[in-house]
Amino acid sequence: MSINTVSKTISYETIVKATQGDTHSIDQIIGFYTPYMQALATVEYVGDNGKIYFAVDEEMLGRMRAKLMKRVMKFKPVPYQRKEKERCRC
């Protein structure tokens, strides 16, 4: 999955693999959050002609990606256990 590919959710397995250093899983997580980080890193500036323009600050975006990778590596996922469905005691 490329960094720009967006999915609706990140699976638990992907998170666990990313915390173990799997680069493909880390790329999936970064790809998931990239649109949000781009929105946060968007800045406005005034051009030479006086018009207002918007652009993504690549340095800020790079810092956010680096911080996300650090946080993913420090994250300790809680083991997932499925709960058995309770039966009706009618």
Protein backbone atom coordinates (compact mmCIF):
# COMPACT_ATOMS: atom_id res chain seq x y z
CA MET A 1 0.00 0.00 0.00
CA SER A 2 1.43 3.37 -0.90
CA ILE A 3 1.53 6.26 1.52
CA ASN A 4 -1.26 8.05 -0.36
CA THR A 5 -3.70 5.13 -0.29
CA VAL A 6 -6.54 5.75 2.13
CA SER A 7 -8.71 3.11 3.75
CA LYS A 8 -11.61 3.52 6.15
CA THR A 9 -9.98 1.79 9.12
CA ILE A 10 -6.71 0.35 10.31
CA SER A 11 -6.92 -3.27 11.39
CA TYR A 12 -5.69 -4.43 14.78
CA GLU A 13 -3.21 -6.76 13.08
CA THR A 14 -1.73 -3.84 11.13
CA ILE A 15 -1.25 -1.86 14.34
CA VAL A 16 0.44 -4.79 16.07
CA LYS A 17 2.77 -5.38 13.11
CA ALA A 18 3.61 -1.68 12.95
CA THR A 19 4.56 -1.63 16.64
CA GLN A 20 6.91 -4.52 15.88
CA GLY A 21 8.63 -2.50 13.14
CA ASP A 22 6.98 -3.86 9.98
CA THR A 23 7.59 -1.12 7.39
CA HIS A 24 4.59 -2.05 5.24
CA SER A 25 2.26 -1.69 8.24
CA ILE A 26 3.84 1.61 9.23
CA ASP A 27 3.29 2.84 5.65
CA GLN A 28 -0.37 1.83 5.92
CA ILE A 29 -0.79 3.82 9.12
CA ILE A 30 0.98 6.84 7.67
CA GLY A 31 -1.19 6.56 4.56
CA PHE A 32 -4.29 6.48 6.71
CA TYR A 33 -3.35 9.68 8.55
CA THR A 34 -1.73 11.57 5.63
CA PRO A 35 -4.89 13.46 4.53
CA TYR A 36 -5.46 14.64 8.10
CA MET A 37 -1.81 15.67 8.52
CA GLN A 38 -1.88 17.49 5.17
CA ALA A 39 -4.89 19.47 6.33
CA LEU A 40 -3.08 20.39 9.53
CA ALA A 41 0.08 21.34 7.62
CA THR A 42 -1.73 23.55 5.11
CA VAL A 43 -0.66 27.17 5.34
CA GLU A 44 -1.83 30.24 3.52
CA TYR A 45 0.45 32.79 1.96
CA VAL A 46 0.06 35.92 -0.12
CA GLY A 47 1.55 35.75 -3.60
CA ASP A 48 3.34 38.55 -5.42
CA ASN A 49 0.07 39.51 -7.09
CA GLY A 50 -1.71 39.93 -3.74
CA LYS A 51 -3.80 36.76 -4.02
CA ILE A 52 -4.03 34.32 -1.13
CA TYR A 53 -2.76 30.81 -1.84
CA PHE A 54 -2.80 27.62 0.19
CA ALA A 55 0.00 25.06 0.23
CA VAL A 56 1.13 22.12 2.33
CA ASP A 57 4.17 22.94 4.42
CA GLU A 58 6.32 19.90 3.58
CA GLU A 59 8.65 20.44 6.52
CA MET A 60 5.74 20.46 8.97
CA LEU A 61 4.25 17.40 7.25
CA GLY A 62 7.58 15.57 7.55
CA ARG A 63 7.78 16.38 11.25
CA MET A 64 4.26 15.06 11.81
CA ARG A 65 5.07 11.84 9.94
CA ALA A 66 8.24 11.36 11.98
CA LYS A 67 6.38 11.97 15.23
CA LEU A 68 3.65 9.52 14.19
CA MET A 69 6.26 6.85 13.45
CA LYS A 70 7.87 7.38 16.87
CA ARG A 71 4.51 7.12 18.60
CA VAL A 72 3.58 3.98 16.69
CA MET A 73 6.84 2.33 17.74
CA LYS A 74 6.21 3.25 21.40
CA PHE A 75 2.57 2.14 21.35
CA LYS A 76 1.79 -1.03 23.29
CA PRO A 77 -1.39 -2.66 21.94
CA VAL A 78 -3.66 -4.49 24.34
CA PRO A 79 -4.17 -8.13 23.31
CA TYR A 80 -7.49 -8.50 21.57
CA GLN A 81 -9.83 -11.16 22.89
CA ARG A 82 -13.22 -11.83 21.46
CA LYS A 83 -15.97 -11.99 23.99
CA GLU A 84 -18.33 -14.87 23.76
CA LYS A 85 -21.88 -13.84 23.13
CA GLU A 86 -23.98 -14.06 26.22
CA ARG A 87 -26.84 -16.43 25.94
CA CYS A 88 -30.30 -15.43 26.90
CA ARG A 89 -31.23 -16.75 30.33
CA CYS A 90 -34.90 -16.82 29.62
